[in-house]
PDB file of N, CA and C in Angstrom:
ATOM      1  N   UNK A   1       2.939  13.884  13.274  1.00  0.00           N
ATOM      2  CA  UNK A   1       2.748  12.977  12.202  1.00  0.00           C
ATOM      3  C   UNK A   1       2.063  13.683  11.063  1.00  0.00           C
ATOM      4  N   UNK A   2       1.179  14.645  11.266  1.00  0.00           N
ATOM      5  CA  UNK A   2       0.407  15.261  10.240  1.00  0.00           C
ATOM      6  C   UNK A   2       1.252  15.775   9.008  1.00  0.00           C
ATOM      7  N   UNK A   3       2.503  16.178   9.284  1.00  0.00           N
ATOM      8  CA  UNK A   3       3.326  16.609   8.224  1.00  0.00           C
ATOM      9  C   UNK A   3       3.720  15.490   7.326  1.00  0.00           C
ATOM     10  N   UNK A   4       3.881  14.313   7.867  1.00  0.00           N
ATOM     11  CA  UNK A   4       4.262  13.087   7.138  1.00  0.00           C
ATOM     12  C   UNK A   4       3.156  12.419   6.399  1.00  0.00           C
ATOM     13  N   UNK A   5       1.930  12.618   6.862  1.00  0.00           N
ATOM     14  CA  UNK A   5       0.730  11.911   6.313  1.00  0.00           C
ATOM     15  C   UNK A   5       0.061  12.766   5.283  1.00  0.00           C
ATOM     16  N   UNK A   6      -0.307  12.140   4.196  1.00  0.00           N
ATOM     17  CA  UNK A   6      -1.037  12.806   3.192  1.00  0.00           C
ATOM     18  C   UNK A   6      -2.072  11.927   2.538  1.00  0.00           C
ATOM     19  N   UNK A   7      -2.933  12.515   1.732  1.00  0.00           N
ATOM     20  CA  UNK A   7      -3.920  11.732   1.065  1.00  0.00           C
ATOM     21  C   UNK A   7      -3.291  10.588   0.230  1.00  0.00           C
ATOM     22  N   UNK A   8      -3.916   9.446   0.369  1.00  0.00           N
ATOM     23  CA  UNK A   8      -3.408   8.280  -0.334  1.00  0.00           C
ATOM     24  C   UNK A   8      -2.498   7.427   0.411  1.00  0.00           C
ATOM     25  N   UNK A   9      -1.977   7.908   1.563  1.00  0.00           N
ATOM     26  CA  UNK A   9      -1.052   7.106   2.466  1.00  0.00           C
ATOM     27  C   UNK A   9      -1.842   5.995   3.118  1.00  0.00           C
ATOM     28  N   UNK A  10      -1.114   4.919   3.505  1.00  0.00           N
ATOM     29  CA  UNK A  10      -1.684   3.910   4.248  1.00  0.00           C
ATOM     30  C   UNK A  10      -1.309   4.027   5.760  1.00  0.00           C
ATOM     31  N   UNK A  11      -2.331   3.868   6.603  1.00  0.00           N
ATOM     32  CA  UNK A  11      -2.114   3.950   8.011  1.00  0.00           C
ATOM     33  C   UNK A  11      -2.634   2.726   8.669  1.00  0.00           C
ATOM     34  N   UNK A  12      -1.999   2.356   9.745  1.00  0.00           N
ATOM     35  CA  UNK A  12      -2.424   1.105  10.555  1.00  0.00           C
ATOM     36  C   UNK A  12      -3.123   1.626  11.831  1.00  0.00           C
ATOM     37  N   UNK A  13      -4.330   1.055  12.042  1.00  0.00           N
ATOM     38  CA  UNK A  13      -5.067   1.451  13.302  1.00  0.00           C
ATOM     39  C   UNK A  13      -4.455   0.699  14.404  1.00  0.00           C
ATOM     40  N   UNK A  14      -3.906   1.527  15.406  1.00  0.00           N
ATOM     41  CA  UNK A  14      -3.336   0.932  16.572  1.00  0.00           C
ATOM     42  C   UNK A  14      -4.092   1.176  17.871  1.00  0.00           C
ATOM     43  N   UNK A  15      -5.183   1.934  17.742  1.00  0.00           N
ATOM     44  CA  UNK A  15      -6.024   2.211  18.906  1.00  0.00           C
ATOM     45  C   UNK A  15      -7.550   2.188  18.487  1.00  0.00           C
ATOM     46  N   UNK A  16      -8.248   1.187  18.808  1.00  0.00           N
ATOM     47  CA  UNK A  16      -9.647   1.088  18.485  1.00  0.00           C
ATOM     48  C   UNK A  16     -10.393   1.274  19.775  1.00  0.00           C
ATOM     49  N   UNK A  17      -9.938   1.959  20.732  1.00  0.00           N
ATOM     50  CA  UNK A  17     -10.602   2.207  22.036  1.00  0.00           C
ATOM     51  C   UNK A  17     -11.810   3.068  21.725  1.00  0.00           C
ATOM     52  N   UNK A  18     -12.802   3.080  22.674  1.00  0.00           N
ATOM     53  CA  UNK A  18     -13.966   3.890  22.467  1.00  0.00           C
ATOM     54  C   UNK A  18     -13.552   5.392  22.251  1.00  0.00           C
ATOM     55  N   UNK A  19     -14.463   6.067  21.628  1.00  0.00           N
ATOM     56  CA  UNK A  19     -14.352   7.507  21.380  1.00  0.00           C
ATOM     57  C   UNK A  19     -13.909   8.174  22.705  1.00  0.00           C
ATOM     58  N   UNK A  20     -12.807   8.970  22.646  1.00  0.00           N
ATOM     59  CA  UNK A  20     -12.347   9.565  23.920  1.00  0.00           C
ATOM     60  C   UNK A  20     -13.006  10.777  24.402  1.00  0.00           C
ATOM     61  N   UNK A  21     -13.983  11.205  23.533  1.00  0.00           N
ATOM     62  CA  UNK A  21     -14.848  12.303  23.968  1.00  0.00           C
ATOM     63  C   UNK A  21     -16.201  11.893  24.466  1.00  0.00           C
ATOM     64  N   UNK A  22     -16.825  10.934  23.722  1.00  0.00           N
ATOM     65  CA  UNK A  22     -18.139  10.548  24.045  1.00  0.00           C
ATOM     66  C   UNK A  22     -18.204   9.150  24.779  1.00  0.00           C
ATOM     67  N   UNK A  23     -17.125   8.354  24.603  1.00  0.00           N
ATOM     68  CA  UNK A  23     -17.200   6.990  25.202  1.00  0.00           C
ATOM     69  C   UNK A  23     -17.821   5.995  24.376  1.00  0.00           C
ATOM     70  N   UNK A  24     -18.367   6.387  23.150  1.00  0.00           N
ATOM     71  CA  UNK A  24     -19.082   5.462  22.297  1.00  0.00           C
ATOM     72  C   UNK A  24     -18.031   4.547  21.546  1.00  0.00           C
ATOM     73  N   UNK A  25     -18.493   3.366  21.214  1.00  0.00           N
ATOM     74  CA  UNK A  25     -17.657   2.406  20.495  1.00  0.00           C
ATOM     75  C   UNK A  25     -17.300   3.043  19.043  1.00  0.00           C
ATOM     76  N   UNK A  26     -16.150   2.721  18.538  1.00  0.00           N
ATOM     77  CA  UNK A  26     -15.771   3.152  17.225  1.00  0.00           C
ATOM     78  C   UNK A  26     -15.854   2.086  16.239  1.00  0.00           C
ATOM     79  N   UNK A  27     -15.999   2.387  14.928  1.00  0.00           N
ATOM     80  CA  UNK A  27     -16.087   1.278  13.938  1.00  0.00           C
ATOM     81  C   UNK A  27     -14.727   0.862  13.425  1.00  0.00           C
ATOM     82  N   UNK A  28     -13.669   1.368  14.030  1.00  0.00           N
ATOM     83  CA  UNK A  28     -12.317   1.023  13.579  1.00  0.00           C
ATOM     84  C   UNK A  28     -11.889  -0.358  14.137  1.00  0.00           C
ATOM     85  N   UNK A  29     -10.952  -1.013  13.467  1.00  0.00           N
ATOM     86  CA  UNK A  29     -10.466  -2.303  13.933  1.00  0.00           C
ATOM     87  C   UNK A  29      -8.998  -2.252  14.093  1.00  0.00           C
ATOM     88  N   UNK A  30      -8.560  -2.514  15.295  1.00  0.00           N
ATOM     89  CA  UNK A  30      -7.087  -2.479  15.565  1.00  0.00           C
ATOM     90  C   UNK A  30      -6.389  -3.519  14.610  1.00  0.00           C
ATOM     91  N   UNK A  31      -5.253  -3.121  14.097  1.00  0.00           N
ATOM     92  CA  UNK A  31      -4.508  -3.981  13.153  1.00  0.00           C
ATOM     93  C   UNK A  31      -4.936  -3.873  11.752  1.00  0.00           C
ATOM     94  N   UNK A  32      -6.004  -3.176  11.378  1.00  0.00           N
ATOM     95  CA  UNK A  32      -6.509  -3.002  10.025  1.00  0.00           C
ATOM     96  C   UNK A  32      -5.720  -1.737   9.364  1.00  0.00           C
ATOM     97  N   UNK A  33      -5.567  -1.890   8.087  1.00  0.00           N
ATOM     98  CA  UNK A  33      -4.982  -0.690   7.419  1.00  0.00           C
ATOM     99  C   UNK A  33      -6.130   0.191   6.762  1.00  0.00           C
ATOM    100  N   UNK A  34      -5.898   1.388   6.613  1.00  0.00           N
ATOM    101  CA  UNK A  34      -6.860   2.322   6.045  1.00  0.00           C
ATOM    102  C   UNK A  34      -6.087   3.256   5.198  1.00  0.00           C
ATOM    103  N   UNK A  35      -6.807   3.749   4.077  1.00  0.00           N
ATOM    104  CA  UNK A  35      -6.221   4.774   3.225  1.00  0.00           C
ATOM    105  C   UNK A  35      -6.740   6.137   3.622  1.00  0.00           C
ATOM    106  N   UNK A  36      -5.730   7.030   3.780  1.00  0.00           N
ATOM    107  CA  UNK A  36      -6.100   8.377   4.197  1.00  0.00           C
ATOM    108  C   UNK A  36      -6.728   9.126   3.002  1.00  0.00           C
ATOM    109  N   UNK A  37      -7.926   9.684   3.220  1.00  0.00           N
ATOM    110  CA  UNK A  37      -8.552  10.486   2.227  1.00  0.00           C
ATOM    111  C   UNK A  37      -8.165  11.945   2.298  1.00  0.00           C
ATOM    112  N   UNK A  38      -8.032  12.477   3.552  1.00  0.00           N
ATOM    113  CA  UNK A  38      -7.708  13.800   3.719  1.00  0.00           C
ATOM    114  C   UNK A  38      -7.120  13.953   5.114  1.00  0.00           C
ATOM    115  N   UNK A  39      -6.301  15.000   5.297  1.00  0.00           N
ATOM    116  CA  UNK A  39      -5.708  15.365   6.565  1.00  0.00           C
ATOM    117  C   UNK A  39      -6.241  16.805   6.942  1.00  0.00           C
ATOM    118  N   UNK A  40      -6.884  16.831   8.068  1.00  0.00           N
ATOM    119  CA  UNK A  40      -7.425  18.151   8.488  1.00  0.00           C
ATOM    120  C   UNK A  40      -6.736  18.647   9.728  1.00  0.00           C
ATOM    121  N   UNK A  41      -6.033  19.858   9.543  1.00  0.00           N
ATOM    122  CA  UNK A  41      -5.265  20.375  10.704  1.00  0.00           C
ATOM    123  C   UNK A  41      -6.338  20.788  11.763  1.00  0.00           C
ATOM    124  N   UNK A  42      -6.280  20.170  12.899  1.00  0.00           N
ATOM    125  CA  UNK A  42      -7.221  20.455  13.993  1.00  0.00           C
ATOM    126  C   UNK A  42      -6.563  19.848  15.174  1.00  0.00           C
ATOM    127  N   UNK A  43      -6.454  20.707  16.212  1.00  0.00           N
ATOM    128  CA  UNK A  43      -5.943  20.286  17.532  1.00  0.00           C
ATOM    129  C   UNK A  43      -7.049  19.452  18.205  1.00  0.00           C
ATOM    130  N   UNK A  44      -6.772  18.191  18.294  1.00  0.00           N
ATOM    131  CA  UNK A  44      -7.822  17.307  18.902  1.00  0.00           C
ATOM    132  C   UNK A  44      -7.915  17.626  20.339  1.00  0.00           C
ATOM    133  N   UNK A  45      -9.053  17.576  20.899  1.00  0.00           N
ATOM    134  CA  UNK A  45      -9.267  17.815  22.317  1.00  0.00           C
ATOM    135  C   UNK A  45      -8.517  16.994  23.283  1.00  0.00           C
ATOM    136  N   UNK A  46      -8.111  15.724  22.808  1.00  0.00           N
ATOM    137  CA  UNK A  46      -7.370  14.832  23.670  1.00  0.00           C
ATOM    138  C   UNK A  46      -5.967  15.377  23.939  1.00  0.00           C
ATOM    139  N   UNK A  47      -5.511  16.352  23.097  1.00  0.00           N
ATOM    140  CA  UNK A  47      -4.090  16.949  23.332  1.00  0.00           C
ATOM    141  C   UNK A  47      -3.089  16.079  22.703  1.00  0.00           C
ATOM    142  N   UNK A  48      -3.358  14.942  22.152  1.00  0.00           N
ATOM    143  CA  UNK A  48      -2.281  14.028  21.629  1.00  0.00           C
ATOM    144  C   UNK A  48      -2.014  14.208  20.147  1.00  0.00           C
ATOM    145  N   UNK A  49      -2.775  15.032  19.441  1.00  0.00           N
ATOM    146  CA  UNK A  49      -2.536  15.171  17.974  1.00  0.00           C
ATOM    147  C   UNK A  49      -2.943  16.586  17.539  1.00  0.00           C
ATOM    148  N   UNK A  50      -2.407  16.903  16.334  1.00  0.00           N
ATOM    149  CA  UNK A  50      -2.663  18.231  15.712  1.00  0.00           C
ATOM    150  C   UNK A  50      -3.432  18.099  14.459  1.00  0.00           C
ATOM    151  N   UNK A  51      -3.994  16.871  14.183  1.00  0.00           N
ATOM    152  CA  UNK A  51      -4.668  16.682  12.946  1.00  0.00           C
ATOM    153  C   UNK A  51      -5.727  15.532  13.064  1.00  0.00           C
ATOM    154  N   UNK A  52      -6.711  15.600  12.238  1.00  0.00           N
ATOM    155  CA  UNK A  52      -7.721  14.491  12.098  1.00  0.00           C
ATOM    156  C   UNK A  52      -7.517  13.852  10.753  1.00  0.00           C
ATOM    157  N   UNK A  53      -7.733  12.570  10.655  1.00  0.00           N
ATOM    158  CA  UNK A  53      -7.548  11.763   9.445  1.00  0.00           C
ATOM    159  C   UNK A  53      -8.958  11.364   8.962  1.00  0.00           C
ATOM    160  N   UNK A  54      -9.234  11.641   7.678  1.00  0.00           N
ATOM    161  CA  UNK A  54     -10.524  11.146   7.084  1.00  0.00           C
ATOM    162  C   UNK A  54     -10.101   9.934   6.332  1.00  0.00           C
ATOM    163  N   UNK A  55     -10.589   8.775   6.790  1.00  0.00           N
ATOM    164  CA  UNK A  55     -10.323   7.500   6.253  1.00  0.00           C
ATOM    165  C   UNK A  55     -11.556   6.843   5.530  1.00  0.00           C
ATOM    166  N   UNK A  56     -12.585   7.711   5.366  1.00  0.00           N
ATOM    167  CA  UNK A  56     -13.820   7.196   4.705  1.00  0.00           C
ATOM    168  C   UNK A  56     -14.699   6.498   5.630  1.00  0.00           C
ATOM    169  N   UNK A  57     -14.534   6.483   6.930  1.00  0.00           N
ATOM    170  CA  UNK A  57     -15.406   5.852   7.910  1.00  0.00           C
ATOM    171  C   UNK A  57     -15.865   6.967   8.796  1.00  0.00           C
ATOM    172  N   UNK A  58     -17.122   7.205   8.854  1.00  0.00           N
ATOM    173  CA  UNK A  58     -17.697   8.350   9.694  1.00  0.00           C
ATOM    174  C   UNK A  58     -17.044   9.654   9.165  1.00  0.00           C
ATOM    175  N   UNK A  59     -16.732  10.562  10.127  1.00  0.00           N
ATOM    176  CA  UNK A  59     -16.246  11.819   9.680  1.00  0.00           C
ATOM    177  C   UNK A  59     -14.705  11.832   9.610  1.00  0.00           C
ATOM    178  N   UNK A  60     -14.055  11.892  10.824  1.00  0.00           N
ATOM    179  CA  UNK A  60     -12.611  11.939  10.879  1.00  0.00           C
ATOM    180  C   UNK A  60     -12.166  11.377  12.229  1.00  0.00           C
ATOM    181  N   UNK A  61     -10.905  10.933  12.300  1.00  0.00           N
ATOM    182  CA  UNK A  61     -10.378  10.367  13.526  1.00  0.00           C
ATOM    183  C   UNK A  61      -9.121  10.984  13.897  1.00  0.00           C
ATOM    184  N   UNK A  62      -8.950  11.035  15.202  1.00  0.00           N
ATOM    185  CA  UNK A  62      -7.686  11.537  15.784  1.00  0.00           C
ATOM    186  C   UNK A  62      -6.482  10.770  15.257  1.00  0.00           C
ATOM    187  N   UNK A  63      -5.468  11.432  14.771  1.00  0.00           N
ATOM    188  CA  UNK A  63      -4.355  10.799  14.182  1.00  0.00           C
ATOM    189  C   UNK A  63      -3.528   9.927  15.135  1.00  0.00           C
ATOM    190  N   UNK A  64      -3.764  10.159  16.478  1.00  0.00           N
ATOM    191  CA  UNK A  64      -2.985   9.282  17.409  1.00  0.00           C
ATOM    192  C   UNK A  64      -3.518   7.840  17.416  1.00  0.00           C
ATOM    193  N   UNK A  65      -4.620   7.545  16.727  1.00  0.00           N
ATOM    194  CA  UNK A  65      -5.191   6.204  16.576  1.00  0.00           C
ATOM    195  C   UNK A  65      -4.363   5.429  15.556  1.00  0.00           C
ATOM    196  N   UNK A  66      -3.510   6.061  14.762  1.00  0.00           N
ATOM    197  CA  UNK A  66      -2.935   5.433  13.566  1.00  0.00           C
ATOM    198  C   UNK A  66      -1.432   5.591  13.605  1.00  0.00           C
ATOM    199  N   UNK A  67      -0.750   4.749  12.898  1.00  0.00           N
ATOM    200  CA  UNK A  67       0.654   4.781  12.573  1.00  0.00           C
ATOM    201  C   UNK A  67       0.773   4.748  11.031  1.00  0.00           C
ATOM    202  N   UNK A  68       1.719   5.676  10.547  1.00  0.00           N
ATOM    203  CA  UNK A  68       1.936   5.676   9.190  1.00  0.00           C
ATOM    204  C   UNK A  68       2.734   4.500   8.705  1.00  0.00           C
ATOM    205  N   UNK A  69       2.237   3.812   7.658  1.00  0.00           N
ATOM    206  CA  UNK A  69       2.995   2.615   7.113  1.00  0.00           C
ATOM    207  C   UNK A  69       3.951   3.090   6.009  1.00  0.00           C
ATOM    208  N   UNK A  70       5.063   2.486   5.906  1.00  0.00           N
ATOM    209  CA  UNK A  70       5.996   2.804   4.807  1.00  0.00           C
ATOM    210  C   UNK A  70       5.371   2.637   3.461  1.00  0.00           C
ATOM    211  N   UNK A  71       5.795   3.597   2.588  1.00  0.00           N
ATOM    212  CA  UNK A  71       5.259   3.403   1.121  1.00  0.00           C
ATOM    213  C   UNK A  71       5.835   2.115   0.579  1.00  0.00           C
ATOM    214  N   UNK A  72       5.002   1.331  -0.201  1.00  0.00           N
ATOM    215  CA  UNK A  72       5.576   0.190  -0.785  1.00  0.00           C
ATOM    216  C   UNK A  72       6.649   0.541  -1.813  1.00  0.00           C
ATOM    217  N   UNK A  73       7.764  -0.251  -1.737  1.00  0.00           N
ATOM    218  CA  UNK A  73       8.815  -0.037  -2.748  1.00  0.00           C
ATOM    219  C   UNK A  73       8.409  -0.674  -4.125  1.00  0.00           C
ATOM    220  N   UNK A  74       8.837   0.137  -5.167  1.00  0.00           N
ATOM    221  CA  UNK A  74       8.614  -0.425  -6.512  1.00  0.00           C
ATOM    222  C   UNK A  74       9.378  -1.692  -6.735  1.00  0.00           C
ATOM    223  N   UNK A  75       8.696  -2.687  -7.220  1.00  0.00           N
ATOM    224  CA  UNK A  75       9.323  -3.918  -7.495  1.00  0.00           C
ATOM    225  C   UNK A  75       9.215  -4.185  -8.978  1.00  0.00           C
ATOM    226  N   UNK A  76      10.427  -4.021  -9.541  1.00  0.00           N
ATOM    227  CA  UNK A  76      10.477  -4.237 -11.042  1.00  0.00           C
ATOM    228  C   UNK A  76      10.288  -5.628 -11.415  1.00  0.00           C
ATOM    229  N   UNK A  77       9.448  -5.958 -12.359  1.00  0.00           N
ATOM    230  CA  UNK A  77       9.325  -7.316 -12.772  1.00  0.00           C
ATOM    231  C   UNK A  77      10.415  -7.680 -13.742  1.00  0.00           C
ATOM    232  N   UNK A  78      11.010  -8.897 -13.608  1.00  0.00           N
ATOM    233  CA  UNK A  78      12.052  -9.257 -14.548  1.00  0.00           C
ATOM    234  C   UNK A  78      11.494  -9.265 -15.935  1.00  0.00           C
ATOM    235  N   UNK A  79      12.344  -8.857 -16.838  1.00  0.00           N
ATOM    236  CA  UNK A  79      11.972  -8.847 -18.287  1.00  0.00           C
ATOM    237  C   UNK A  79      11.835 -10.366 -18.725  1.00  0.00           C
ATOM    238  N   UNK A  80      10.848 -10.610 -19.526  1.00  0.00           N
ATOM    239  CA  UNK A  80      10.730 -11.952 -19.991  1.00  0.00           C
ATOM    240  C   UNK A  80      11.849 -12.223 -20.991  1.00  0.00           C
ATOM    241  N   UNK A  81      12.545 -13.376 -20.794  1.00  0.00           N
ATOM    242  CA  UNK A  81      13.708 -13.751 -21.558  1.00  0.00           C
ATOM    243  C   UNK A  81      13.250 -14.311 -22.795  1.00  0.00           C
ATOM    244  N   UNK A  82      13.940 -13.907 -23.922  1.00  0.00           N
ATOM    245  CA  UNK A  82      13.628 -14.348 -25.214  1.00  0.00           C
ATOM    246  C   UNK A  82      13.862 -15.861 -25.361  1.00  0.00           C
ATOM    247  N   UNK A  83      12.973 -16.619 -25.787  1.00  0.00           N
ATOM    248  CA  UNK A  83      13.208 -18.070 -25.916  1.00  0.00           C
ATOM    249  C   UNK A  83      13.965 -18.299 -27.122  1.00  0.00           C
ATOM    250  N   UNK A  84      15.050 -19.010 -27.010  1.00  0.00           N
ATOM    251  CA  UNK A  84      15.851 -19.418 -28.186  1.00  0.00           C
ATOM    252  C   UNK A  84      15.202 -20.459 -29.008  1.00  0.00           C
ATOM    253  N   UNK A  85      15.209 -20.212 -30.285  1.00  0.00           N
ATOM    254  CA  UNK A  85      14.653 -21.196 -31.180  1.00  0.00           C
ATOM    255  C   UNK A  85      15.728 -22.079 -31.712  1.00  0.00           C
ATOM    256  N   UNK A  86      15.452 -23.351 -31.895  1.00  0.00           N
ATOM    257  CA  UNK A  86      16.504 -24.263 -32.558  1.00  0.00           C
ATOM    258  C   UNK A  86      16.754 -23.790 -33.928  1.00  0.00           C
ATOM    259  N   UNK A  87      17.997 -23.879 -34.301  1.00  0.00           N
ATOM    260  CA  UNK A  87      18.423 -23.457 -35.755  1.00  0.00           C
ATOM    261  C   UNK A  87      17.992 -24.517 -36.674  1.00  0.00           C
ATOM    262  N   UNK A  88      17.356 -24.030 -37.694  1.00  0.00           N
ATOM    263  CA  UNK A  88      17.004 -25.099 -38.816  1.00  0.00           C
ATOM    264  C   UNK A  88      18.113 -25.375 -39.653  1.00  0.00           C
ATOM    265  N   UNK A  89      18.332 -26.719 -39.997  1.00  0.00           N
ATOM    266  CA  UNK A  89      19.354 -27.141 -40.898  1.00  0.00           C
ATOM    267  C   UNK A  89      18.746 -27.161 -42.221  1.00  0.00           C
ATOM    268  N   UNK A  90      19.592 -26.627 -43.264  1.00  0.00           N
ATOM    269  CA  UNK A  90      19.193 -26.620 -44.623  1.00  0.00           C
ATOM    270  C   UNK A  90      19.620 -27.800 -45.328  1.00  0.00           C
TER     271      UNK A  90
END
């Protein structure tokens, strides 16, 4: 996933289990979305990922805790239609 994820991307937290190295609780919330600040190439000791994601909470998190969300599609706003004026009679 690290090739597909980049700074500014939205990711969904799918795993808010305790830290898999220390067993301590994590401040992440399953089902919440986070914005990726940076992707750091690093083989996580859990063996499930090749990068850590910096989402602005603590230091960085194993990318296996997240799923990349699709980029929002551009939605063009319809142009305001010109209001027709009644013709004046002379």
